[in-house]
Amino acid sequence: MTAGSMRLVIVEDDPAFARTLRRSFERRDYETAHAASPDELEALLEGGLRFDFAVVDLKLGTASGLSCVRMLHEADAATRIVVLTGFASIATAVEAIKLGASHYLAKPANTDDIEEAFGRTTGDPDVPLEGRKSTIKTVEWEYIHGVLAECDFNISEAARRLGMHRRTLARKLDKRQLR
């Protein structure tokens, strides 16, 4: 990476989505790197690479993107980190921000949304307080997702903590994807 350019790392396990994001940001003059797992990100950071910006998928296969948020923040607290997820939950949003993320976006999010999130450095006191009403299914899903995040997305351990059979949890997850 050359000095003076906007350096971005995309931590995403879906190769097609990562490639699309990468090309889109490169057209906007970002220098990009890609990691598909926490281990790959750790190798980039250990190699001395530092980034101005990061886009981190919350679920990376069976791993949690929250560990990547922590690694990036510890490597350089100035890195603007945006977490992307297919199903946002209050628990993971709070943890992402505590670990150093500057923003948290639900998928689908495009390059414009992500770049806007990079630029937001303060909160918005005018954000509407009344959102959609939570259904019992949504509350259940957020609770399940929070337990999964605590278990680093280990389905067997999460099922044990939730007091349900692993296959029952797997069926619930199949109905509502984490991405």
C-alpha atoms as a PDB file:
ATOM      1  CA  MET A   1       0.000   0.000   0.000  1.00  0.00           C
ATOM      2  CA  THR A   2       1.262   3.431  -0.825  1.00  0.00           C
ATOM      3  CA  ALA A   3       1.574   6.236   1.670  1.00  0.00           C
ATOM      4  CA  GLY A   4      -1.140   8.878   1.663  1.00  0.00           C
ATOM      5  CA  SER A   5      -3.901   6.744   0.208  1.00  0.00           C
ATOM      6  CA  MET A   6      -7.065   5.687   2.007  1.00  0.00           C
ATOM      7  CA  ARG A   7      -6.322   2.162   3.220  1.00  0.00           C
ATOM      8  CA  LEU A   8      -9.280  -0.177   3.687  1.00  0.00           C
ATOM      9  CA  VAL A   9      -9.528  -3.775   4.818  1.00  0.00           C
ATOM     10  CA  ILE A  10     -12.630  -5.804   4.037  1.00  0.00           C
ATOM     11  CA  VAL A  11     -13.183  -8.707   6.431  1.00  0.00           C
ATOM     12  CA  GLU A  12     -15.808 -10.821   4.684  1.00  0.00           C
ATOM     13  CA  ASP A  13     -16.104 -14.575   4.131  1.00  0.00           C
ATOM     14  CA  ASP A  14     -18.423 -14.341   1.100  1.00  0.00           C
ATOM     15  CA  PRO A  15     -15.955 -14.087  -1.804  1.00  0.00           C
ATOM     16  CA  ALA A  16     -18.472 -12.599  -4.267  1.00  0.00           C
ATOM     17  CA  PHE A  17     -19.607  -9.880  -1.864  1.00  0.00           C
ATOM     18  CA  ALA A  18     -16.009  -9.143  -0.841  1.00  0.00           C
ATOM     19  CA  ARG A  19     -14.961  -8.845  -4.498  1.00  0.00           C
ATOM     20  CA  THR A  20     -17.877  -6.490  -5.244  1.00  0.00           C
ATOM     21  CA  LEU A  21     -17.087  -4.277  -2.249  1.00  0.00           C
ATOM     22  CA  ARG A  22     -13.405  -4.284  -3.062  1.00  0.00           C
ATOM     23  CA  ARG A  23     -13.935  -3.188  -6.681  1.00  0.00           C
ATOM     24  CA  SER A  24     -16.412  -0.519  -5.657  1.00  0.00           C
ATOM     25  CA  PHE A  25     -14.044   0.990  -3.085  1.00  0.00           C
ATOM     26  CA  GLU A  26     -11.073   0.780  -5.450  1.00  0.00           C
ATOM     27  CA  ARG A  27     -13.051   2.854  -7.972  1.00  0.00           C
ATOM     28  CA  ARG A  28     -13.295   5.453  -5.191  1.00  0.00           C
ATOM     29  CA  ASP A  29      -9.501   5.487  -4.793  1.00  0.00           C
ATOM     30  CA  TYR A  30      -9.237   3.295  -1.715  1.00  0.00           C
ATOM     31  CA  GLU A  31      -6.383   0.854  -1.468  1.00  0.00           C
ATOM     32  CA  THR A  32      -7.944  -2.397  -0.345  1.00  0.00           C
ATOM     33  CA  ALA A  33      -6.950  -5.598   1.358  1.00  0.00           C
ATOM     34  CA  HIS A  34      -9.170  -8.573   2.048  1.00  0.00           C
ATOM     35  CA  ALA A  35      -9.335 -11.108   4.867  1.00  0.00           C
ATOM     36  CA  ALA A  36     -11.895 -13.918   4.956  1.00  0.00           C
ATOM     37  CA  SER A  37     -11.351 -14.867   8.606  1.00  0.00           C
ATOM     38  CA  PRO A  38      -9.961 -13.578  11.894  1.00  0.00           C
ATOM     39  CA  ASP A  39      -6.778 -15.583  11.245  1.00  0.00           C
ATOM     40  CA  GLU A  40      -6.252 -13.907   7.863  1.00  0.00           C
ATOM     41  CA  LEU A  41      -6.806 -10.470   9.412  1.00  0.00           C
ATOM     42  CA  GLU A  42      -4.353 -11.292  12.187  1.00  0.00           C
ATOM     43  CA  ALA A  43      -1.743 -12.247   9.557  1.00  0.00           C
ATOM     44  CA  LEU A  44      -2.235  -8.898   7.766  1.00  0.00           C
ATOM     45  CA  LEU A  45      -1.857  -6.982  11.021  1.00  0.00           C
ATOM     46  CA  GLU A  46       1.165  -9.004  12.108  1.00  0.00           C
ATOM     47  CA  GLY A  47       2.682  -8.204   8.713  1.00  0.00           C
ATOM     48  CA  GLY A  48       2.643  -4.546   9.749  1.00  0.00           C
ATOM     49  CA  LEU A  49      -0.330  -3.383   7.694  1.00  0.00           C
ATOM     50  CA  ARG A  50      -2.468  -0.656   9.238  1.00  0.00           C
ATOM     51  CA  PHE A  51      -5.771   0.587   7.892  1.00  0.00           C
ATOM     52  CA  ASP A  52      -7.661   3.866   7.925  1.00  0.00           C
ATOM     53  CA  PHE A  53     -10.974   2.074   7.403  1.00  0.00           C
ATOM     54  CA  ALA A  54     -12.399  -1.405   7.883  1.00  0.00           C
ATOM     55  CA  VAL A  55     -15.608  -3.174   6.880  1.00  0.00           C
ATOM     56  CA  VAL A  56     -16.184  -6.243   9.049  1.00  0.00           C
ATOM     57  CA  ASP A  57     -18.896  -8.844   8.541  1.00  0.00           C
ATOM     58  CA  LEU A  58     -20.344  -9.914  11.882  1.00  0.00           C
ATOM     59  CA  LYS A  59     -20.460 -13.606  11.021  1.00  0.00           C
ATOM     60  CA  LEU A  60     -17.405 -15.120   9.365  1.00  0.00           C
ATOM     61  CA  GLY A  61     -18.269 -18.771   8.858  1.00  0.00           C
ATOM     62  CA  THR A  62     -18.303 -20.137  12.387  1.00  0.00           C
ATOM     63  CA  ALA A  63     -16.231 -17.230  13.727  1.00  0.00           C
ATOM     64  CA  SER A  64     -17.400 -13.886  15.067  1.00  0.00           C
ATOM     65  CA  GLY A  65     -16.399 -10.661  13.368  1.00  0.00           C
ATOM     66  CA  LEU A  66     -16.362  -9.051  16.812  1.00  0.00           C
ATOM     67  CA  SER A  67     -12.902 -10.522  17.395  1.00  0.00           C
ATOM     68  CA  CYS A  68     -11.766  -8.738  14.227  1.00  0.00           C
ATOM     69  CA  VAL A  69     -13.178  -5.449  15.508  1.00  0.00           C
ATOM     70  CA  ARG A  70     -11.109  -5.876  18.667  1.00  0.00           C
ATOM     71  CA  MET A  71      -7.939  -6.753  16.699  1.00  0.00           C
ATOM     72  CA  LEU A  72      -8.315  -3.743  14.402  1.00  0.00           C
ATOM     73  CA  HIS A  73      -9.006  -1.354  17.271  1.00  0.00           C
ATOM     74  CA  GLU A  74      -6.051  -2.654  19.286  1.00  0.00           C
ATOM     75  CA  ALA A  75      -3.760  -2.329  16.254  1.00  0.00           C
ATOM     76  CA  ASP A  76      -4.856   1.273  15.596  1.00  0.00           C
ATOM     77  CA  ALA A  77      -7.591   2.991  17.578  1.00  0.00           C
ATOM     78  CA  ALA A  78      -8.001   5.572  14.792  1.00  0.00           C
ATOM     79  CA  THR A  79      -9.264   2.965  12.296  1.00  0.00           C
ATOM     80  CA  ARG A  80     -12.882   3.734  11.339  1.00  0.00           C
ATOM     81  CA  ILE A  81     -14.593   0.318  11.619  1.00  0.00           C
ATOM     82  CA  VAL A  82     -18.042  -0.427  10.206  1.00  0.00           C
ATOM     83  CA  VAL A  83     -19.663  -3.736  11.133  1.00  0.00           C
ATOM     84  CA  LEU A  84     -22.079  -5.259   8.603  1.00  0.00           C
ATOM     85  CA  THR A  85     -24.644  -7.894   9.427  1.00  0.00           C
ATOM     86  CA  GLY A  86     -27.652  -9.477   7.804  1.00  0.00           C
ATOM     87  CA  PHE A  87     -29.590  -9.461  11.046  1.00  0.00           C
ATOM     88  CA  ALA A  88     -28.761  -6.704  13.432  1.00  0.00           C
ATOM     89  CA  SER A  89     -29.310  -7.288  17.122  1.00  0.00           C
ATOM     90  CA  ILE A  90     -29.017  -4.913  20.028  1.00  0.00           C
ATOM     91  CA  ALA A  91     -26.555  -7.228  21.798  1.00  0.00           C
ATOM     92  CA  THR A  92     -24.085  -7.419  18.923  1.00  0.00           C
ATOM     93  CA  ALA A  93     -24.426  -3.701  18.122  1.00  0.00           C
ATOM     94  CA  VAL A  94     -23.555  -2.781  21.689  1.00  0.00           C
ATOM     95  CA  GLU A  95     -20.608  -5.194  21.779  1.00  0.00           C
ATOM     96  CA  ALA A  96     -19.296  -3.990  18.404  1.00  0.00           C
ATOM     97  CA  ILE A  97     -19.272  -0.381  19.590  1.00  0.00           C
ATOM     98  CA  LYS A  98     -17.668  -1.312  22.928  1.00  0.00           C
ATOM     99  CA  LEU A  99     -14.928  -3.186  21.063  1.00  0.00           C
ATOM    100  CA  GLY A 100     -14.096  -0.208  18.843  1.00  0.00           C
ATOM    101  CA  ALA A 101     -16.495  -0.148  15.886  1.00  0.00           C
ATOM    102  CA  SER A 102     -17.531   3.327  14.836  1.00  0.00           C
ATOM    103  CA  HIS A 103     -20.734   2.190  13.144  1.00  0.00           C
ATOM    104  CA  TYR A 104     -22.990  -0.831  12.713  1.00  0.00           C
ATOM    105  CA  LEU A 105     -25.043  -1.365   9.543  1.00  0.00           C
ATOM    106  CA  ALA A 106     -27.608  -3.974   8.619  1.00  0.00           C
ATOM    107  CA  LYS A 107     -27.272  -5.615   5.210  1.00  0.00           C
ATOM    108  CA  PRO A 108     -28.034  -4.892   2.510  1.00  0.00           C
ATOM    109  CA  ALA A 109     -25.677  -1.933   2.630  1.00  0.00           C
ATOM    110  CA  ASN A 110     -23.931  -0.475  -0.376  1.00  0.00           C
ATOM    111  CA  THR A 111     -20.673   1.408  -0.751  1.00  0.00           C
ATOM    112  CA  ASP A 112     -22.429   4.766  -0.314  1.00  0.00           C
ATOM    113  CA  ASP A 113     -23.948   3.621   3.003  1.00  0.00           C
ATOM    114  CA  ILE A 114     -20.590   2.336   4.239  1.00  0.00           C
ATOM    115  CA  GLU A 115     -18.677   5.422   3.171  1.00  0.00           C
ATOM    116  CA  GLU A 116     -21.285   7.634   4.855  1.00  0.00           C
ATOM    117  CA  ALA A 117     -20.862   5.561   8.037  1.00  0.00           C
ATOM    118  CA  PHE A 118     -17.081   6.095   7.869  1.00  0.00           C
ATOM    119  CA  GLY A 119     -17.718   9.840   7.881  1.00  0.00           C
ATOM    120  CA  ARG A 120     -20.082   9.856  10.837  1.00  0.00           C
ATOM    121  CA  THR A 121     -18.009  10.703  13.883  1.00  0.00           C
ATOM    122  CA  THR A 122     -20.784  11.772  16.237  1.00  0.00           C
ATOM    123  CA  GLY A 123     -24.131  10.415  17.255  1.00  0.00           C
ATOM    124  CA  ASP A 124     -27.422  11.811  15.986  1.00  0.00           C
ATOM    125  CA  PRO A 125     -29.595  13.129  18.836  1.00  0.00           C
ATOM    126  CA  ASP A 126     -32.482  13.535  16.375  1.00  0.00           C
ATOM    127  CA  VAL A 127     -32.716   9.868  15.471  1.00  0.00           C
ATOM    128  CA  PRO A 128     -36.349   8.784  15.921  1.00  0.00           C
ATOM    129  CA  LEU A 129     -36.939   7.124  19.291  1.00  0.00           C
ATOM    130  CA  GLU A 130     -39.933   5.161  18.180  1.00  0.00           C
ATOM    131  CA  GLY A 131     -38.893   2.372  15.910  1.00  0.00           C
ATOM    132  CA  ARG A 132     -40.774  -0.652  14.822  1.00  0.00           C
ATOM    133  CA  LYS A 133     -42.461  -2.647  17.533  1.00  0.00           C
ATOM    134  CA  SER A 134     -40.667  -5.833  18.455  1.00  0.00           C
ATOM    135  CA  THR A 135     -42.564  -9.049  17.934  1.00  0.00           C
ATOM    136  CA  ILE A 136     -42.061 -12.082  20.147  1.00  0.00           C
ATOM    137  CA  LYS A 137     -40.210 -13.731  17.256  1.00  0.00           C
ATOM    138  CA  THR A 138     -37.879 -10.729  16.976  1.00  0.00           C
ATOM    139  CA  VAL A 139     -37.190 -10.694  20.718  1.00  0.00           C
ATOM    140  CA  GLU A 140     -36.532 -14.459  20.600  1.00  0.00           C
ATOM    141  CA  TRP A 141     -34.218 -14.029  17.617  1.00  0.00           C
ATOM    142  CA  GLU A 142     -32.279 -11.208  19.275  1.00  0.00           C
ATOM    143  CA  TYR A 143     -31.855 -13.313  22.403  1.00  0.00           C
ATOM    144  CA  ILE A 144     -30.675 -16.331  20.387  1.00  0.00           C
ATOM    145  CA  HIS A 145     -28.312 -14.126  18.381  1.00  0.00           C
ATOM    146  CA  GLY A 146     -26.896 -12.617  21.593  1.00  0.00           C
ATOM    147  CA  VAL A 147     -26.217 -16.066  23.042  1.00  0.00           C
ATOM    148  CA  LEU A 148     -24.635 -17.157  19.743  1.00  0.00           C
ATOM    149  CA  ALA A 149     -22.344 -14.118  19.812  1.00  0.00           C
ATOM    150  CA  GLU A 150     -21.339 -14.906  23.404  1.00  0.00           C
ATOM    151  CA  CYS A 151     -20.422 -18.433  22.251  1.00  0.00           C
ATOM    152  CA  ASP A 152     -18.470 -17.189  19.208  1.00  0.00           C
ATOM    153  CA  PHE A 153     -21.238 -18.700  17.039  1.00  0.00           C
ATOM    154  CA  ASN A 154     -20.670 -22.238  18.339  1.00  0.00           C
ATOM    155  CA  ILE A 155     -24.110 -23.766  17.747  1.00  0.00           C
ATOM    156  CA  SER A 156     -23.676 -26.686  20.162  1.00  0.00           C
ATOM    157  CA  GLU A 157     -22.627 -24.426  23.038  1.00  0.00           C
ATOM    158  CA  ALA A 158     -25.366 -21.895  22.260  1.00  0.00           C
ATOM    159  CA  ALA A 159     -28.001 -24.666  22.208  1.00  0.00           C
ATOM    160  CA  ARG A 160     -26.759 -25.882  25.590  1.00  0.00           C
ATOM    161  CA  ARG A 161     -26.966 -22.372  27.065  1.00  0.00           C
ATOM    162  CA  LEU A 162     -30.425 -21.860  25.558  1.00  0.00           C
ATOM    163  CA  GLY A 163     -31.653 -25.182  26.920  1.00  0.00           C
ATOM    164  CA  MET A 164     -32.642 -26.546  23.533  1.00  0.00           C
ATOM    165  CA  HIS A 165     -31.529 -29.377  21.294  1.00  0.00           C
ATOM    166  CA  ARG A 166     -28.789 -28.469  18.825  1.00  0.00           C
ATOM    167  CA  ARG A 167     -30.949 -29.561  15.875  1.00  0.00           C
ATOM    168  CA  THR A 168     -33.808 -27.339  17.056  1.00  0.00           C
ATOM    169  CA  LEU A 169     -31.447 -24.360  17.146  1.00  0.00           C
ATOM    170  CA  ALA A 170     -30.033 -25.310  13.744  1.00  0.00           C
ATOM    171  CA  ARG A 171     -33.568 -25.362  12.290  1.00  0.00           C
ATOM    172  CA  LYS A 172     -34.282 -21.918  13.751  1.00  0.00           C
ATOM    173  CA  LEU A 173     -31.050 -20.616  12.256  1.00  0.00           C
ATOM    174  CA  ASP A 174     -31.887 -22.085   8.854  1.00  0.00           C
ATOM    175  CA  LYS A 175     -35.160 -20.151   8.864  1.00  0.00           C
ATOM    176  CA  ARG A 176     -33.479 -16.852   9.623  1.00  0.00           C
ATOM    177  CA  GLN A 177     -29.936 -16.474   8.327  1.00  0.00           C
ATOM    178  CA  LEU A 178     -27.320 -14.655  10.433  1.00  0.00           C
ATOM    179  CA  ARG A 179     -25.693 -12.928   7.497  1.00  0.00           C
END
